Protein backbone atom coordinates (compact mmCIF):
# COMPACT_ATOMS: atom_id res chain seq x y z
CA UNK A 1 6.40 43.85 133.87
CA UNK A 2 2.84 43.16 132.84
CA UNK A 3 0.70 46.22 132.28
CA UNK A 4 -2.63 44.44 131.85
CA UNK A 5 -3.18 43.71 135.55
CA UNK A 6 -1.79 46.89 137.08
CA UNK A 7 -5.21 47.69 138.58
CA UNK A 8 -5.07 44.56 140.78
CA UNK A 9 -4.15 45.10 144.46
CA UNK A 10 -0.57 44.12 145.32
CA UNK A 11 1.33 43.12 148.47
CA UNK A 12 5.04 42.78 149.29
CA UNK A 13 7.59 43.10 152.07
CA UNK A 14 8.83 46.68 151.81
CA UNK A 15 11.92 46.34 153.98
CA UNK A 16 15.27 44.81 153.06
CA UNK A 17 15.70 41.02 153.27
CA UNK A 18 17.11 39.65 156.52
CA UNK A 19 16.54 40.31 160.18
CA UNK A 20 15.82 43.76 161.60
CA UNK A 21 14.12 45.58 164.42
CA UNK A 22 11.16 46.51 162.22
CA UNK A 23 9.74 44.96 159.06
CA UNK A 24 7.01 46.40 156.86
CA UNK A 25 4.44 44.67 154.70
CA UNK A 26 2.82 47.05 152.21
CA UNK A 27 -0.47 46.59 150.36
CA UNK A 28 -1.75 48.93 147.63
CA UNK A 29 -4.99 48.89 145.68
CA UNK A 30 -8.63 49.96 145.78
CA UNK A 31 -10.90 49.15 148.72
CA UNK A 32 -8.39 47.93 151.33
CA UNK A 33 -10.45 48.59 154.48
CA UNK A 34 -12.13 45.12 154.53
CA UNK A 35 -8.68 43.52 154.42
CA UNK A 36 -7.46 45.82 157.18
CA UNK A 37 -10.40 44.79 159.33
CA UNK A 38 -9.75 41.09 158.67
CA UNK A 39 -6.09 41.47 159.69
CA UNK A 40 -6.47 43.77 162.70
CA UNK A 41 -10.07 43.18 163.83
CA UNK A 42 -10.86 46.91 163.78
CA UNK A 43 -11.63 49.85 161.52
CA UNK A 44 -8.48 51.93 161.04
CA UNK A 45 -8.48 55.71 161.11
CA UNK A 46 -6.72 57.34 158.14
CA UNK A 47 -3.04 58.21 158.74
CA UNK A 48 -3.25 57.18 162.43
CA UNK A 49 -0.91 54.46 163.69
CA UNK A 50 -2.90 51.74 165.46
CA UNK A 51 -1.11 49.22 167.66
CA UNK A 52 -2.43 45.69 168.05
CA UNK A 53 -2.19 42.09 166.88
CA UNK A 54 -2.10 40.94 163.27
CA UNK A 55 -4.37 37.91 163.33
CA UNK A 56 -4.71 34.59 161.58
CA UNK A 57 -8.16 33.47 160.41
CA UNK A 58 -8.73 31.67 163.74
CA UNK A 59 -7.87 34.80 165.73
CA UNK A 60 -4.38 33.70 166.75
CA UNK A 61 -1.83 36.52 166.65
CA UNK A 62 0.96 36.28 164.08
CA UNK A 63 2.68 39.35 165.49
CA UNK A 64 1.95 42.61 167.29
CA UNK A 65 2.73 45.93 165.62
CA UNK A 66 1.45 49.11 164.01
CA UNK A 67 -1.13 49.31 161.24
CA UNK A 68 -1.33 52.44 159.08
CA UNK A 69 -4.05 53.14 156.50
CA UNK A 70 -3.64 55.82 153.82
CA UNK A 71 -6.81 56.30 151.75
CA UNK A 72 -6.53 57.29 148.08
CA UNK A 73 -5.41 59.63 146.68
CA UNK A 74 -3.32 60.79 149.64
CA UNK A 75 -0.80 57.96 149.65
CA UNK A 76 2.52 57.01 148.10
CA UNK A 77 0.91 55.19 145.16
CA UNK A 78 -2.21 57.33 144.87
CA UNK A 79 -4.30 54.23 145.76
CA UNK A 80 -5.41 52.98 149.16
CA UNK A 81 -2.26 51.86 150.99
CA UNK A 82 -2.09 49.65 154.08
CA UNK A 83 1.19 49.18 155.95
CA UNK A 84 1.74 46.56 158.64
CA UNK A 85 4.82 47.34 160.71
CA UNK A 86 5.90 44.36 162.75
CA UNK A 87 9.08 42.76 164.03
CA UNK A 88 11.60 42.43 161.23
CA UNK A 89 12.19 38.69 161.10
CA UNK A 90 11.95 37.14 157.63
CA UNK A 91 9.63 34.36 158.83
CA UNK A 92 7.27 36.87 160.45
CA UNK A 93 7.21 38.96 157.28
CA UNK A 94 6.42 35.98 155.07
CA UNK A 95 3.68 34.84 157.47
CA UNK A 96 2.09 38.30 157.23
CA UNK A 97 2.26 38.28 153.41
CA UNK A 98 0.72 34.79 153.31
CA UNK A 99 -2.03 35.92 155.69
CA UNK A 100 -2.79 38.95 153.48
CA UNK A 101 -3.16 36.73 150.43
CA UNK A 102 -5.33 34.23 152.30
CA UNK A 103 -7.54 36.91 153.89
CA UNK A 104 -8.03 38.60 150.51
CA UNK A 105 -9.50 35.38 149.12
CA UNK A 106 -11.86 34.77 152.07
CA UNK A 107 -15.53 35.34 151.24
CA UNK A 108 -18.01 37.23 153.35
CA UNK A 109 -21.71 36.70 153.95
CA UNK A 110 -22.45 38.12 150.52
CA UNK A 111 -20.23 35.49 148.92
CA UNK A 112 -17.73 38.04 147.65
CA UNK A 113 -13.98 37.86 148.28
CA UNK A 114 -12.53 40.29 150.78
CA UNK A 115 -10.05 41.76 148.26
CA UNK A 116 -10.31 40.06 144.85
CA UNK A 117 -7.16 39.75 142.78
CA UNK A 118 -4.58 40.52 145.47
CA UNK A 119 -1.18 39.29 144.28
CA UNK A 120 2.49 39.64 145.05
CA UNK A 121 4.00 42.87 143.77
CA UNK A 122 6.66 42.85 141.08
CA UNK A 123 9.92 44.81 141.51
CA UNK A 124 9.26 48.54 141.47
CA UNK A 125 5.51 48.18 141.13
CA UNK A 126 4.58 50.44 144.05
CA UNK A 127 6.68 53.26 142.58
CA UNK A 128 5.37 52.46 139.11
CA UNK A 129 1.83 53.04 140.39
CA UNK A 130 2.90 56.31 141.99
CA UNK A 131 4.15 57.39 138.55
CA UNK A 132 1.05 56.17 136.70
CA UNK A 133 -1.19 57.97 139.20
CA UNK A 134 0.73 61.26 138.76
CA UNK A 135 2.14 61.29 142.27
CA UNK A 136 5.66 61.60 140.87
CA UNK A 137 7.19 61.90 137.42
CA UNK A 138 9.63 59.44 135.88
CA UNK A 139 12.76 61.34 136.91
CA UNK A 140 11.56 61.39 140.52
CA UNK A 141 10.73 57.68 140.37
CA UNK A 142 14.27 56.93 139.21
CA UNK A 143 15.63 59.17 141.98
CA UNK A 144 13.96 56.89 144.55
CA UNK A 145 15.95 53.91 143.29
CA UNK A 146 19.09 56.03 143.08
CA UNK A 147 18.64 57.20 146.68
CA UNK A 148 18.39 53.58 147.82
CA UNK A 149 21.47 52.61 145.79
CA UNK A 150 23.57 55.70 146.59
CA UNK A 151 27.17 54.73 147.41
CA UNK A 152 28.34 58.16 148.61
CA UNK A 153 26.92 61.00 150.68
CA UNK A 154 27.07 63.34 147.69
CA UNK A 155 25.11 60.86 145.57
CA UNK A 156 22.48 60.49 148.29
CA UNK A 157 22.05 64.25 148.65
CA UNK A 158 21.83 64.68 144.88
CA UNK A 159 19.21 61.91 144.66
CA UNK A 160 17.21 63.65 147.39
CA UNK A 161 17.26 66.87 145.38
CA UNK A 162 16.04 65.01 142.28
CA UNK A 163 13.34 63.26 144.32
CA UNK A 164 12.21 66.65 145.60
CA UNK A 165 11.71 67.76 142.00
CA UNK A 166 14.83 69.89 141.39
CA UNK A 167 15.69 68.09 138.15
CA UNK A 168 12.08 67.91 136.99
CA UNK A 169 11.58 71.65 137.58
CA UNK A 170 14.59 72.41 135.39
CA UNK A 171 13.14 70.24 132.62
CA UNK A 172 9.67 71.76 133.01
CA UNK A 173 11.12 75.29 132.73
CA UNK A 174 12.79 74.33 129.46
CA UNK A 175 9.61 72.72 128.19
CA UNK A 176 7.54 75.80 129.11
CA UNK A 177 9.90 77.96 127.08
CA UNK A 178 9.64 75.57 124.17
CA UNK A 179 5.84 75.52 124.34
CA UNK A 180 5.76 79.30 124.18
CA UNK A 181 8.01 79.32 121.14
CA UNK A 182 6.10 76.53 119.45
CA UNK A 183 2.81 78.39 119.87
CA UNK A 184 4.26 81.50 118.27
CA UNK A 185 5.75 79.54 115.37
CA UNK A 186 2.57 77.55 114.75
CA UNK A 187 0.44 80.69 114.89
CA UNK A 188 2.65 82.37 112.31
CA UNK A 189 2.45 79.29 110.06
CA UNK A 190 -1.35 79.19 110.39
CA UNK A 191 -1.85 82.88 109.63
CA UNK A 192 0.78 83.91 107.09
CA UNK A 193 -1.46 86.67 105.76
CA UNK A 194 -0.75 88.70 108.88
CA UNK A 195 2.69 89.34 107.41
CA UNK A 196 4.23 89.55 110.84
CA UNK A 197 7.99 89.29 110.90
CA UNK A 198 7.94 86.54 113.49
CA UNK A 199 11.66 86.26 114.08
CA UNK A 200 11.95 89.95 114.91
CA UNK A 201 8.62 90.75 116.56
CA UNK A 202 8.61 87.70 118.85
CA UNK A 203 12.35 87.85 119.60
CA UNK A 204 12.55 84.22 118.50
CA UNK A 205 16.31 84.30 118.14
CA UNK A 206 16.72 85.70 121.64
CA UNK A 207 14.33 83.12 123.09
CA UNK A 208 16.19 80.34 121.30
CA UNK A 209 19.54 81.56 122.56
CA UNK A 210 18.26 81.68 126.14
CA UNK A 211 16.75 78.20 125.79
CA UNK A 212 20.01 76.87 124.40
CA UNK A 213 21.99 78.38 127.29
CA UNK A 214 19.54 76.98 129.81
CA UNK A 215 19.64 73.51 128.26
CA UNK A 216 23.45 73.50 128.22
CA UNK A 217 23.49 74.42 131.92
CA UNK A 218 21.09 71.60 132.79
CA UNK A 219 23.12 69.17 130.67
CA UNK A 220 26.31 70.11 132.52
CA UNK A 221 24.68 69.43 135.89
CA UNK A 222 23.11 66.20 134.60
CA UNK A 223 26.55 64.96 133.52
CA UNK A 224 27.81 65.63 137.03
CA UNK A 225 24.78 63.84 138.47
CA UNK A 226 25.33 60.84 136.21
CA UNK A 227 28.94 60.72 137.38
CA UNK A 228 27.80 60.72 141.01
CA UNK A 229 25.48 57.81 140.25
CA UNK A 230 27.62 55.71 137.94
CA UNK A 231 31.12 56.55 139.15
CA UNK A 232 34.29 55.98 137.17
CA UNK A 233 35.83 52.62 136.29
CA UNK A 234 39.60 52.95 136.89
CA UNK A 235 41.84 50.00 135.96
CA UNK A 236 45.43 49.63 137.17
CA UNK A 237 47.72 48.09 134.55
CA UNK A 238 51.41 47.39 134.31
CA UNK A 239 54.15 44.81 134.67
CA UNK A 240 54.39 42.59 137.76
CA UNK A 241 55.76 44.40 140.84
CA UNK A 242 55.17 47.87 139.39
CA UNK A 243 53.16 48.72 142.52
CA UNK A 244 49.57 48.25 141.33
CA UNK A 245 48.40 46.45 144.48
CA UNK A 246 50.23 48.96 146.68
CA UNK A 247 48.51 51.81 144.85
CA UNK A 248 45.10 50.15 145.27
CA UNK A 249 45.74 49.78 149.01
CA UNK A 250 46.94 53.39 149.26
CA UNK A 251 43.89 54.79 147.45
CA UNK A 252 41.50 52.62 149.46
CA UNK A 253 43.25 53.23 152.78
CA UNK A 254 43.17 49.51 153.57
CA UNK A 255 45.16 46.36 152.87
CA UNK A 256 42.90 44.92 150.19
CA UNK A 257 45.48 43.31 147.93
CA UNK A 258 48.43 41.13 148.90
CA UNK A 259 51.73 42.89 148.27
CA UNK A 260 54.94 40.86 147.91
CA UNK A 261 58.12 41.14 145.81
CA UNK A 262 57.17 37.88 144.06
CA UNK A 263 56.12 38.39 140.43
CA UNK A 264 52.57 37.25 139.68
CA UNK A 265 51.26 37.61 143.26
CA UNK A 266 48.01 39.13 141.98
CA UNK A 267 46.37 36.37 139.91
CA UNK A 268 42.88 37.87 139.42
CA UNK A 269 41.10 41.20 139.53
CA UNK A 270 40.73 42.90 142.92
CA UNK A 271 38.12 45.67 143.02
CA UNK A 272 37.30 48.38 145.52
CA UNK A 273 35.03 51.42 145.38
CA UNK A 274 36.39 54.60 146.90
CA UNK A 275 35.16 58.17 146.72
CA UNK A 276 36.93 61.38 145.88
CA UNK A 277 34.94 64.54 146.67
CA UNK A 278 31.81 62.40 146.68
CA UNK A 279 32.48 60.82 143.27
CA UNK A 280 32.60 57.00 143.40
CA UNK A 281 35.65 55.48 141.75
CA UNK A 282 35.65 51.75 141.10
CA UNK A 283 39.35 50.83 141.25
CA UNK A 284 40.33 47.52 139.67
CA UNK A 285 43.76 46.00 140.36
CA UNK A 286 44.72 43.51 137.67
CA UNK A 287 47.26 40.75 137.31
CA UNK A 288 50.70 41.94 136.18
CA UNK A 289 51.07 42.06 132.41
CA UNK A 290 53.87 40.35 130.55
CA UNK A 291 54.33 38.12 127.53
CA UNK A 292 52.23 34.94 127.74
CA UNK A 293 55.36 32.85 127.24
CA UNK A 294 56.77 34.27 130.49
CA UNK A 295 53.74 33.34 132.61
CA UNK A 296 54.57 30.91 135.41
CA UNK A 297 51.46 28.78 134.87
CA UNK A 298 47.99 28.60 133.30
CA UNK A 299 46.43 30.46 136.24
CA UNK A 300 48.62 33.51 135.58
CA UNK A 301 47.78 33.39 131.85
CA UNK A 302 44.06 33.38 132.67
CA UNK A 303 44.61 36.27 135.08
CA UNK A 304 46.36 38.33 132.39
CA UNK A 305 43.55 37.62 129.92
CA UNK A 306 41.05 38.94 132.46
CA UNK A 307 43.27 41.97 132.96
CA UNK A 308 43.04 42.86 129.29
CA UNK A 309 39.26 42.40 129.38
CA UNK A 310 39.04 44.83 132.30
CA UNK A 311 41.31 47.31 130.56
CA UNK A 312 39.05 47.29 127.51
CA UNK A 313 36.06 48.26 129.68
CA UNK A 314 37.81 51.01 131.69
CA UNK A 315 36.87 54.69 131.81
CA UNK A 316 40.47 55.51 132.77
CA UNK A 317 43.57 53.28 132.64
CA UNK A 318 46.45 53.92 135.06
CA UNK A 319 49.59 52.50 133.44
CA UNK A 320 52.09 51.98 136.26
CA UNK A 321 55.86 52.16 135.72
CA UNK A 322 58.51 51.19 138.27
CA UNK A 323 60.95 54.10 138.39
CA UNK A 324 63.68 51.89 139.91
CA UNK A 325 63.73 49.67 136.81
CA UNK A 326 63.41 52.17 133.98
CA UNK A 327 67.11 51.88 133.16
CA UNK A 328 66.75 48.11 132.67
CA UNK A 329 66.55 47.52 128.91
CA UNK A 330 64.41 44.39 129.25
CA UNK A 331 61.98 46.18 131.56
CA UNK A 332 61.73 49.19 129.22
CA UNK A 333 61.13 46.90 126.26
CA UNK A 334 58.33 45.08 128.14
CA UNK A 335 56.75 48.44 129.03
CA UNK A 336 56.82 49.41 125.38
CA UNK A 337 55.11 46.14 124.50
CA UNK A 338 52.33 46.86 127.02
CA UNK A 339 51.96 50.38 125.64
CA UNK A 340 51.49 48.95 122.13
CA UNK A 341 48.83 46.50 123.31
CA UNK A 342 47.08 49.27 125.28
CA UNK A 343 46.79 51.22 122.07
CA UNK A 344 45.00 48.24 120.52
CA UNK A 345 42.73 47.43 123.50
CA UNK A 346 41.77 50.90 124.75
CA UNK A 347 39.30 53.07 122.78
CA UNK A 348 40.75 56.42 121.64
CA UNK A 349 38.37 58.29 123.94
CA UNK A 350 39.61 56.44 127.06
CA UNK A 351 42.50 58.29 128.72
CA UNK A 352 45.64 56.39 129.70
CA UNK A 353 47.51 58.01 132.60
CA UNK A 354 51.16 57.04 133.07
CA UNK A 355 51.88 56.65 136.79
CA UNK A 356 55.57 56.55 137.74
CA UNK A 357 55.70 54.73 141.08
CA UNK A 358 58.40 54.48 143.78
CA UNK A 359 59.39 58.13 143.51
CA UNK A 360 60.53 57.96 147.16
CA UNK A 361 63.38 55.52 146.51
CA UNK A 362 66.89 56.91 146.85
CA UNK A 363 69.41 57.07 144.04
CA UNK A 364 68.17 59.94 141.93
CA UNK A 365 64.74 58.43 141.35
CA UNK A 366 63.00 61.75 141.99
CA UNK A 367 64.92 63.41 139.16
CA UNK A 368 64.18 60.48 136.84
CA UNK A 369 60.49 60.74 137.78
CA UNK A 370 60.31 64.40 136.87
CA UNK A 371 62.08 63.75 133.57
CA UNK A 372 59.70 60.91 132.67
CA UNK A 373 56.62 62.93 133.60
CA UNK A 374 57.89 65.83 131.50
CA UNK A 375 58.53 63.51 128.54
CA UNK A 376 55.03 61.97 128.66
CA UNK A 377 53.44 65.40 129.16
CA UNK A 378 55.26 66.73 126.12
CA UNK A 379 54.11 63.75 124.04
CA UNK A 380 50.51 63.30 125.23
CA UNK A 381 49.69 66.61 126.89
CA UNK A 382 49.03 67.70 130.46
CA UNK A 383 47.09 65.35 132.68
CA UNK A 384 48.56 62.14 131.30
CA UNK A 385 51.43 61.55 133.72
CA UNK A 386 52.12 61.75 137.44
CA UNK A 387 54.95 60.63 139.72
CA UNK A 388 54.12 59.22 143.16
CA UNK A 389 54.99 56.81 145.92
CA UNK A 390 52.28 54.31 146.78
CA UNK A 391 54.29 53.45 149.92
CA UNK A 392 54.55 56.97 151.42
CA UNK A 393 51.52 58.60 149.79
CA UNK A 394 53.61 61.21 147.99
CA UNK A 395 51.74 62.37 144.88
CA UNK A 396 48.46 60.59 145.71
CA UNK A 397 46.51 63.84 145.98
CA UNK A 398 47.74 64.89 142.55
CA UNK A 399 46.56 61.55 141.15
CA UNK A 400 43.14 61.93 142.79
CA UNK A 401 42.66 65.37 141.26
CA UNK A 402 43.85 64.06 137.91
CA UNK A 403 41.21 61.33 138.01
CA UNK A 404 38.50 63.86 138.79
CA UNK A 405 39.57 66.00 135.84
CA UNK A 406 39.46 63.02 133.51
CA UNK A 407 36.01 62.20 134.86
CA UNK A 408 34.85 65.72 134.02
CA UNK A 409 33.94 66.49 137.62
CA UNK A 410 33.50 70.06 138.75
CA UNK A 411 33.27 70.89 142.45
CA UNK A 412 29.66 72.15 142.45
CA UNK A 413 27.91 69.37 144.44
CA UNK A 414 25.21 71.62 145.93
CA UNK A 415 23.84 72.38 142.47
CA UNK A 416 23.91 68.81 141.21
CA UNK A 417 20.91 66.49 141.00
CA UNK A 418 21.24 62.76 140.44
CA UNK A 419 20.88 61.76 136.81
CA UNK A 420 21.24 58.73 134.59
CA UNK A 421 22.91 58.18 131.26
CA UNK A 422 19.50 58.11 129.57
CA UNK A 423 18.84 61.63 130.94
CA UNK A 424 22.17 62.84 129.58
CA UNK A 425 21.46 61.25 126.20
CA UNK A 426 17.97 62.81 126.07
CA UNK A 427 19.41 66.24 126.88
CA UNK A 428 22.10 65.80 124.22
CA UNK A 429 19.44 64.83 121.68
CA UNK A 430 17.36 67.86 122.67
CA UNK A 431 20.45 70.04 122.30
CA UNK A 432 21.11 68.73 118.79
CA UNK A 433 17.55 69.50 117.68
CA UNK A 434 17.66 72.93 119.33
CA UNK A 435 20.92 73.71 117.52
CA UNK A 436 19.21 72.88 114.24
CA UNK A 437 16.30 75.12 115.24
CA UNK A 438 18.75 77.96 115.86
CA UNK A 439 20.29 77.35 112.43
CA UNK A 440 16.87 77.50 110.73
CA UNK A 441 15.97 80.68 112.63
CA UNK A 442 19.14 82.35 111.41
CA UNK A 443 18.14 81.96 107.75
CA UNK A 444 16.76 84.96 105.95
CA UNK A 445 13.36 83.41 105.23
CA UNK A 446 13.10 81.94 108.72
CA UNK A 447 12.35 78.41 107.46
CA UNK A 448 9.48 78.34 109.96
CA UNK A 449 8.20 74.89 109.04
CA UNK A 450 11.61 73.33 109.69
CA UNK A 451 12.01 75.43 112.81
CA UNK A 452 8.65 74.17 114.09
CA UNK A 453 9.67 70.54 113.51
CA UNK A 454 12.99 70.89 115.34
CA UNK A 455 11.24 72.55 118.29
CA UNK A 456 8.76 69.66 118.39
CA UNK A 457 11.57 67.11 118.41
CA UNK A 458 13.36 69.05 121.17
CA UNK A 459 10.14 69.06 123.18
CA UNK A 460 9.71 65.30 122.74
CA UNK A 461 13.30 64.55 123.77
CA UNK A 462 12.85 66.49 127.00
CA UNK A 463 9.53 64.73 127.59
CA UNK A 464 11.22 61.33 127.76
CA UNK A 465 13.06 62.45 130.91
CA UNK A 466 9.96 63.03 133.01
CA UNK A 467 7.87 60.38 131.27
CA UNK A 468 5.61 62.61 129.21
CA UNK A 469 6.63 60.79 126.02
CA UNK A 470 7.97 57.48 127.33
CA UNK A 471 7.08 54.16 125.73
CA UNK A 472 5.80 51.26 127.82
CA UNK A 473 8.90 49.18 127.14
CA UNK A 474 11.13 51.93 128.56
CA UNK A 475 8.98 52.19 131.67
CA UNK A 476 9.07 48.42 132.15
CA UNK A 477 12.87 48.40 131.85
CA UNK A 478 13.19 51.16 134.46
CA UNK A 479 10.81 49.79 137.09
CA UNK A 480 11.94 46.17 136.92
CA UNK A 481 15.34 47.32 138.22
CA UNK A 482 13.78 48.45 141.50
CA UNK A 483 13.83 46.28 144.60
CA UNK A 484 10.66 44.35 145.48
CA UNK A 485 8.44 46.28 147.88
CA UNK A 486 9.34 49.63 146.36
């Protein structure tokens, strides 16, 4: 996004593309009243909805609707803002935008344009101006986009809390504590002749400990907020007919994937987003895995290649086993081959959960399931195996809770604010510098100069969250991901 012309007035359709009952055209910039008069034929009262026609240059009505004028600085962007609320047809909206651009270029009796420089807004530019004009901070600006994109109720509520400033207030409280400490440290460095034992007299160690505890608490909630926003990528893997498609359907509560006893029925990835306790889980069903030489055709081989690509990008892999075929030597050998390849394709930090399916089938399968789960648990530890029946739903709740545990989710949604990975990374960076500050403060001589530097770096890391120390390229990257009109 260009920063050189951000003072120019901008216009865009602020409602979603397509047809709707109401559509909104938004204009922001200095001195909008002449444009409002050209469009509506009247002088608008601030913050008072005025109904009437939106007119072409010859006086013909384009549409009839409400015009709202918000004078600076009491507006969303902090500039003059004009909103035209008409009927939500895409043609009507585009006609209104075209009329705004044309009216802005029209000259009056003095030979001056009505609104010089009016142009189409870029994605996120209205919110960018709100940030630049100190109407909101960067975390709140991101929360606006997250509220629009929220895929679950919990994510929407968390985004609303962040938009209301809950996250920003937590960061500001940490920064205030840091500022207080930094002032004390700098004063001691500037006036060493006072011979004040800073670490003892100012309770620096106690202040640092409280700051560290507060930062860790905010980081924990930010991780939960990032999980609400990003969700968890869960990939189903296993041999053909192990029950992957049935498990996808059972988790989603709908017949999304075709289920047949024919090997290789699933030829490509099938994805569905579900939610568990408000956490979005992106479930990916993949083509059954077997040796390439056993594939029935080239389509199946391509499908298996895509399966391995998806597995490599997963947050959690569910490795399905068919309990009714575990005694088959060829089947067990194929499972072992998949396990070996999983070890090569999956990063060590990505958990692989062994899911033993068809636990409802008669013939001692339940006992076999328990034995297999116990064996995997003994080898890999708790939380790496579960027995279930995708057909009856037996064991599904245990799997859902297992996925939440692997995601790191804790059931504290009312205290969570929406967050992004960059927020989590900034908090982690701040925590690393604060830990070094604590280490310097614990030394006998205090190492005040090093302590001061680590506090400064902690302060800067926190500042990137709200935008106090954000570079232009970061801001451009954030706002260009917004929808146009916002």
